[in-house]
């Protein structure tokens, strides 16, 4: 265990240094005079991002309660935010790092956190796909992104609603106590899918989807506000801006680049350009949007990691 800890902390430190270097490179490209002139729009866009984080943290709390873990709200918000520190990992899978806190403080099985994370991502993809429909008029050349998202979503829904419980019971019964590493991994994956089914009950799934739609839509509104100030000569409709933001996020996710860096920005700038925004303004809007969405989340994540350094006093009950 000590050996693992000695490897973990340097790895986290290297990752934090890399995040700082990329952030510094982004700051070097910004026009501070333009940001100062539009500071109120920037602050409002940042506030909308904060509302997005809070909405999704609330959904995370609902998921944990549905899975039988009633934790203190402040603790849930902190652990959820701590995942943002690793949002630059490919596919954002690094956000699963929050499982470490639940195992350490409350002995929560990894399958529970994995189930909540799996369904959270599923609902985010569904919400983004719906929001992206708003921007189709501005992105006729990017329809394949929506098709890919729809196929992936359909596959995940079918996968999640399969009779995993019965299969997991049979698998566990046949594996014995001395199963190999692969068998244990498969058993853990089946337990995750069993837990995920609980979160796909119609009422809970519909509420989670609606909350994801609202939360991510707020960041799209933030993009619209930035475009209004940084490209005032272009008439960009709110629905189009939200659609552009959603399509760019989907593109970044499908690229599997760290945090979608590069893929998200290229698509966002291209779609803004298709609406008549000049290349210079499109790049500036994209960079500022990245600061008030991605980098704001990363900064909050590292603050949460620092706040959670000490084990929490158990403050929950299992339903």
Protein backbone atom coordinates (compact mmCIF):
# COMPACT_ATOMS: atom_id res chain seq x y z
CA UNK A 1 0.00 0.00 0.00
CA UNK A 2 2.88 2.33 0.85
CA UNK A 3 4.47 1.57 -2.52
CA UNK A 4 1.24 2.51 -4.31
CA UNK A 5 1.02 5.77 -2.34
CA UNK A 6 4.59 6.64 -3.25
CA UNK A 7 3.70 6.26 -6.90
CA UNK A 8 0.32 8.00 -6.64
CA UNK A 9 1.43 11.33 -5.21
CA UNK A 10 4.21 12.00 -7.76
CA UNK A 11 1.81 11.04 -10.57
CA UNK A 12 -0.81 13.48 -9.29
CA UNK A 13 1.84 16.18 -8.90
CA UNK A 14 3.07 15.68 -12.48
CA UNK A 15 -0.52 15.81 -13.74
CA UNK A 16 -1.13 19.05 -11.81
CA UNK A 17 2.03 20.61 -13.25
CA UNK A 18 0.95 19.63 -16.77
CA UNK A 19 -2.49 21.20 -16.20
CA UNK A 20 -0.78 24.39 -15.05
CA UNK A 21 1.47 24.48 -18.12
CA UNK A 22 -1.46 24.06 -20.54
CA UNK A 23 -3.46 26.70 -18.66
CA UNK A 24 -0.54 29.13 -18.85
CA UNK A 25 -0.32 28.57 -22.61
CA UNK A 26 -4.02 29.42 -22.94
CA UNK A 27 -3.63 32.60 -20.89
CA UNK A 28 -0.77 33.72 -23.13
CA UNK A 29 -3.11 33.74 -26.14
CA UNK A 30 -5.82 35.86 -24.52
CA UNK A 31 -6.34 39.55 -25.20
CA UNK A 32 -6.70 40.97 -21.71
CA UNK A 33 -7.95 44.31 -22.96
CA UNK A 34 -10.83 42.54 -24.74
CA UNK A 35 -11.61 40.49 -21.63
CA UNK A 36 -11.62 43.58 -19.44
CA UNK A 37 -13.95 45.35 -21.85
CA UNK A 38 -16.36 42.40 -21.65
CA UNK A 39 -15.70 41.49 -18.02
CA UNK A 40 -19.37 41.42 -17.01
CA UNK A 41 -20.23 38.92 -19.73
CA UNK A 42 -17.20 36.82 -18.72
CA UNK A 43 -18.24 36.87 -15.06
CA UNK A 44 -21.82 35.96 -15.94
CA UNK A 45 -20.63 33.08 -18.14
CA UNK A 46 -18.48 31.85 -15.24
CA UNK A 47 -21.50 32.08 -12.90
CA UNK A 48 -23.54 29.97 -15.34
CA UNK A 49 -20.74 27.37 -15.31
CA UNK A 50 -20.90 27.29 -11.52
CA UNK A 51 -24.65 26.64 -11.71
CA UNK A 52 -23.88 23.80 -14.13
CA UNK A 53 -21.48 22.24 -11.62
CA UNK A 54 -23.96 22.59 -8.75
CA UNK A 55 -26.78 21.06 -10.78
CA UNK A 56 -24.69 18.05 -11.70
CA UNK A 57 -23.42 17.69 -8.13
CA UNK A 58 -27.04 17.57 -6.95
CA UNK A 59 -27.75 14.85 -9.52
CA UNK A 60 -24.71 12.94 -8.24
CA UNK A 61 -26.09 13.16 -4.70
CA UNK A 62 -29.43 11.80 -5.92
CA UNK A 63 -27.64 8.89 -7.58
CA UNK A 64 -25.73 7.98 -4.42
CA UNK A 65 -28.93 8.11 -2.36
CA UNK A 66 -30.71 5.88 -4.89
CA UNK A 67 -27.85 3.40 -4.53
CA UNK A 68 -28.26 3.38 -0.73
CA UNK A 69 -25.65 5.89 0.45
CA UNK A 70 -26.88 9.02 2.22
CA UNK A 71 -23.87 11.28 2.67
CA UNK A 72 -23.52 14.85 3.94
CA UNK A 73 -24.31 17.32 1.14
CA UNK A 74 -21.10 19.32 1.61
CA UNK A 75 -19.04 16.14 1.38
CA UNK A 76 -20.84 15.02 -1.80
CA UNK A 77 -20.27 18.41 -3.46
CA UNK A 78 -16.57 18.36 -2.52
CA UNK A 79 -15.99 14.81 -3.75
CA UNK A 80 -17.88 15.48 -6.96
CA UNK A 81 -15.86 18.66 -7.56
CA UNK A 82 -12.61 16.80 -6.79
CA UNK A 83 -13.18 14.76 -9.93
CA UNK A 84 -12.86 17.96 -11.97
CA UNK A 85 -9.16 18.07 -11.10
CA UNK A 86 -8.72 15.12 -13.47
CA UNK A 87 -11.17 16.21 -16.15
CA UNK A 88 -8.27 16.61 -18.60
CA UNK A 89 -7.83 12.83 -18.66
CA UNK A 90 -8.92 11.15 -21.94
CA UNK A 91 -12.70 10.73 -21.96
CA UNK A 92 -12.72 12.37 -18.49
CA UNK A 93 -12.34 8.90 -16.97
CA UNK A 94 -9.98 10.45 -14.42
CA UNK A 95 -13.05 11.90 -12.71
CA UNK A 96 -13.56 8.40 -11.30
CA UNK A 97 -10.80 9.42 -8.86
CA UNK A 98 -13.62 10.51 -6.55
CA UNK A 99 -14.17 6.80 -5.83
CA UNK A 100 -11.02 6.91 -3.73
CA UNK A 101 -12.66 9.21 -1.20
CA UNK A 102 -15.79 7.05 -0.89
CA UNK A 103 -13.72 3.92 -0.38
CA UNK A 104 -11.46 5.63 2.15
CA UNK A 105 -14.15 7.40 4.17
CA UNK A 106 -17.21 5.15 3.84
CA UNK A 107 -16.03 1.81 2.46
CA UNK A 108 -18.27 2.32 -0.56
CA UNK A 109 -17.78 -0.45 -3.15
CA UNK A 110 -16.13 0.66 -6.35
CA UNK A 111 -19.07 -0.78 -8.29
CA UNK A 112 -21.41 1.80 -6.70
CA UNK A 113 -19.28 4.77 -7.77
CA UNK A 114 -18.70 3.22 -11.19
CA UNK A 115 -22.46 2.73 -11.69
CA UNK A 116 -23.21 6.37 -10.81
CA UNK A 117 -20.37 7.55 -13.06
CA UNK A 118 -21.56 5.36 -15.95
CA UNK A 119 -25.15 6.65 -15.80
CA UNK A 120 -23.97 10.24 -15.26
CA UNK A 121 -21.99 10.04 -18.50
CA UNK A 122 -24.92 8.39 -20.27
CA UNK A 123 -27.28 11.22 -19.29
CA UNK A 124 -24.70 13.83 -20.28
CA UNK A 125 -24.35 12.29 -23.75
CA UNK A 126 -28.14 12.21 -24.15
CA UNK A 127 -28.49 15.84 -23.01
CA UNK A 128 -25.67 17.00 -25.27
CA UNK A 129 -27.12 15.17 -28.27
CA UNK A 130 -30.47 16.90 -27.75
CA UNK A 131 -28.85 20.31 -27.30
CA UNK A 132 -26.77 19.72 -30.41
CA UNK A 133 -29.95 19.39 -32.44
CA UNK A 134 -30.38 23.11 -31.88
CA UNK A 135 -27.21 23.80 -33.84
CA UNK A 136 -27.78 21.55 -36.83
CA UNK A 137 -28.66 24.51 -39.04
CA UNK A 138 -25.18 25.87 -38.37
CA UNK A 139 -23.41 22.55 -38.63
CA UNK A 140 -24.69 20.60 -41.62
CA UNK A 141 -21.20 19.19 -42.19
CA UNK A 142 -21.06 17.77 -38.67
CA UNK A 143 -24.20 15.61 -38.67
CA UNK A 144 -22.04 12.51 -38.36
CA UNK A 145 -21.22 13.57 -34.80
CA UNK A 146 -24.88 13.34 -33.85
CA UNK A 147 -25.24 10.00 -35.60
CA UNK A 148 -22.25 8.63 -33.69
CA UNK A 149 -23.63 9.95 -30.40
CA UNK A 150 -27.08 8.45 -31.11
CA UNK A 151 -25.62 5.02 -31.91
CA UNK A 152 -23.46 5.10 -28.79
CA UNK A 153 -26.41 6.19 -26.64
CA UNK A 154 -28.68 3.46 -27.99
CA UNK A 155 -26.01 0.87 -27.35
CA UNK A 156 -25.51 2.06 -23.77
CA UNK A 157 -29.25 2.02 -23.05
CA UNK A 158 -29.59 -1.54 -24.34
CA UNK A 159 -26.51 -2.55 -22.38
CA UNK A 160 -27.72 -0.98 -19.15
CA UNK A 161 -31.22 -2.53 -19.29
CA UNK A 162 -30.01 -6.11 -19.86
CA UNK A 163 -30.72 -8.70 -17.06
CA UNK A 164 -27.33 -8.21 -15.46
CA UNK A 165 -28.41 -9.28 -11.97
CA UNK A 166 -29.27 -12.83 -12.99
CA UNK A 167 -26.08 -13.11 -15.04
CA UNK A 168 -23.97 -11.73 -12.22
CA UNK A 169 -25.46 -14.19 -9.71
CA UNK A 170 -24.70 -17.12 -11.99
CA UNK A 171 -21.23 -15.83 -12.74
CA UNK A 172 -20.39 -15.30 -9.05
CA UNK A 173 -21.73 -18.71 -8.11
CA UNK A 174 -19.55 -20.38 -10.72
CA UNK A 175 -16.39 -18.39 -10.08
CA UNK A 176 -15.61 -19.73 -6.62
CA UNK A 177 -13.35 -18.00 -4.13
CA UNK A 178 -10.17 -18.47 -6.12
CA UNK A 179 -11.11 -16.98 -9.48
CA UNK A 180 -8.41 -15.34 -11.54
CA UNK A 181 -7.88 -11.61 -11.99
CA UNK A 182 -9.89 -11.53 -15.22
CA UNK A 183 -12.82 -13.32 -13.61
CA UNK A 184 -12.77 -10.95 -10.65
CA UNK A 185 -12.70 -7.97 -13.03
CA UNK A 186 -15.69 -9.35 -14.95
CA UNK A 187 -17.56 -9.94 -11.71
CA UNK A 188 -16.89 -6.32 -10.67
CA UNK A 189 -18.12 -5.06 -14.07
CA UNK A 190 -21.33 -7.08 -13.74
CA UNK A 191 -21.93 -5.67 -10.24
CA UNK A 192 -21.52 -2.16 -11.68
CA UNK A 193 -24.13 -2.82 -14.36
CA UNK A 194 -26.51 -4.29 -11.76
CA UNK A 195 -26.24 -1.06 -9.74
CA UNK A 196 -26.63 1.03 -12.90
CA UNK A 197 -30.07 -0.50 -13.58
CA UNK A 198 -31.37 1.12 -10.38
CA UNK A 199 -30.54 4.55 -11.79
CA UNK A 200 -32.44 3.93 -15.02
CA UNK A 201 -35.87 3.73 -13.42
CA UNK A 202 -38.13 5.96 -15.55
CA UNK A 203 -38.82 8.73 -13.04
CA UNK A 204 -35.20 9.00 -11.87
CA UNK A 205 -33.80 8.78 -15.40
CA UNK A 206 -36.18 11.46 -16.71
CA UNK A 207 -35.32 13.84 -13.87
CA UNK A 208 -31.58 13.24 -14.33
CA UNK A 209 -31.85 13.86 -18.05
CA UNK A 210 -33.81 17.10 -17.52
CA UNK A 211 -31.23 18.31 -15.01
CA UNK A 212 -28.39 17.50 -17.40
CA UNK A 213 -30.20 19.33 -20.20
CA UNK A 214 -30.58 22.43 -18.00
CA UNK A 215 -27.05 22.31 -16.57
CA UNK A 216 -25.22 21.93 -19.87
CA UNK A 217 -27.61 24.36 -21.55
CA UNK A 218 -26.45 27.03 -19.10
CA UNK A 219 -22.89 26.75 -20.40
CA UNK A 220 -24.25 27.13 -23.92
CA UNK A 221 -25.93 30.35 -22.78
CA UNK A 222 -22.52 31.43 -21.48
CA UNK A 223 -21.05 30.94 -24.97
CA UNK A 224 -23.86 33.05 -26.41
CA UNK A 225 -23.15 35.86 -23.94
CA UNK A 226 -19.45 35.84 -24.83
CA UNK A 227 -20.24 35.91 -28.55
CA UNK A 228 -22.59 38.87 -28.05
CA UNK A 229 -19.75 40.87 -26.51
CA UNK A 230 -16.73 39.67 -28.48
CA UNK A 231 -18.47 39.58 -31.88
CA UNK A 232 -21.23 42.20 -31.55
CA UNK A 233 -21.61 42.67 -35.30
CA UNK A 234 -22.78 39.04 -35.79
CA UNK A 235 -26.37 38.10 -35.01
CA UNK A 236 -26.00 34.75 -33.26
CA UNK A 237 -29.24 33.24 -31.98
CA UNK A 238 -29.31 31.73 -28.49
CA UNK A 239 -30.46 28.30 -29.71
CA UNK A 240 -27.67 28.25 -32.30
CA UNK A 241 -25.04 29.14 -29.71
CA UNK A 242 -26.23 26.37 -27.38
CA UNK A 243 -26.16 23.92 -30.29
CA UNK A 244 -22.65 24.99 -31.28
CA UNK A 245 -21.44 24.48 -27.71
CA UNK A 246 -23.00 21.02 -27.49
CA UNK A 247 -21.62 19.87 -30.86
CA UNK A 248 -18.14 21.09 -29.89
CA UNK A 249 -18.27 19.20 -26.58
CA UNK A 250 -19.39 16.01 -28.37
CA UNK A 251 -16.53 16.42 -30.85
CA UNK A 252 -14.05 16.80 -28.00
CA UNK A 253 -15.41 13.71 -26.25
CA UNK A 254 -15.25 11.60 -29.41
CA UNK A 255 -11.65 12.71 -30.01
CA UNK A 256 -10.62 11.15 -26.66
CA UNK A 257 -8.00 13.87 -26.34
CA UNK A 258 -7.29 15.04 -22.75
CA UNK A 259 -10.32 17.13 -21.77
CA UNK A 260 -11.24 17.33 -25.46
CA UNK A 261 -8.45 19.90 -25.86
CA UNK A 262 -8.03 20.79 -29.50
CA UNK A 263 -11.02 18.92 -30.88
CA UNK A 264 -13.59 20.97 -28.96
CA UNK A 265 -11.97 24.29 -29.82
CA UNK A 266 -11.44 23.56 -33.53
CA UNK A 267 -15.09 22.58 -34.01
CA UNK A 268 -16.39 25.49 -31.92
CA UNK A 269 -14.31 28.03 -33.84
CA UNK A 270 -15.35 26.49 -37.18
CA UNK A 271 -19.04 26.63 -36.30
CA UNK A 272 -18.77 30.21 -35.06
CA UNK A 273 -17.02 31.07 -38.32
CA UNK A 274 -19.91 29.48 -40.24
CA UNK A 275 -22.17 32.02 -38.54
CA UNK A 276 -20.07 34.94 -39.79
CA UNK A 277 -17.74 35.42 -36.81
CA UNK A 278 -14.25 36.48 -37.92
CA UNK A 279 -11.44 33.96 -37.28
CA UNK A 280 -9.78 36.23 -34.69
CA UNK A 281 -13.03 36.74 -32.78
CA UNK A 282 -13.94 33.04 -33.03
CA UNK A 283 -10.59 32.05 -31.52
CA UNK A 284 -10.96 34.62 -28.74
CA UNK A 285 -14.52 33.47 -27.91
CA UNK A 286 -13.35 29.86 -27.88
CA UNK A 287 -10.41 30.57 -25.57
CA UNK A 288 -12.47 32.61 -23.12
CA UNK A 289 -15.17 29.92 -23.15
CA UNK A 290 -12.53 27.33 -22.31
CA UNK A 291 -11.33 29.41 -19.36
CA UNK A 292 -14.80 29.91 -17.84
CA UNK A 293 -15.87 26.29 -18.37
CA UNK A 294 -12.97 23.82 -18.48
CA UNK A 295 -10.29 25.72 -16.56
CA UNK A 296 -12.70 27.02 -13.94
CA UNK A 297 -13.77 23.43 -13.27
CA UNK A 298 -10.15 22.23 -13.05
CA UNK A 299 -9.29 25.00 -10.56
CA UNK A 300 -12.29 24.15 -8.41
CA UNK A 301 -11.32 20.49 -8.63
CA UNK A 302 -7.84 21.05 -7.23
CA UNK A 303 -9.25 23.19 -4.41
CA UNK A 304 -11.62 20.33 -3.55
CA UNK A 305 -8.73 17.83 -3.63
CA UNK A 306 -6.86 20.02 -1.12
CA UNK A 307 -9.95 20.25 1.11
CA UNK A 308 -10.36 16.46 1.11
CA UNK A 309 -6.82 15.57 2.09
CA UNK A 310 -7.96 14.45 5.54
CA UNK A 311 -10.39 11.53 5.90
CA UNK A 312 -13.96 12.64 6.56
CA UNK A 313 -15.79 11.76 9.76
CA UNK A 314 -18.38 9.14 8.75
CA UNK A 315 -21.67 10.98 8.38
CA UNK A 316 -24.06 8.77 6.51
CA UNK A 317 -26.39 5.85 6.78
CA UNK A 318 -27.10 3.07 4.36
CA UNK A 319 -30.71 2.92 3.26
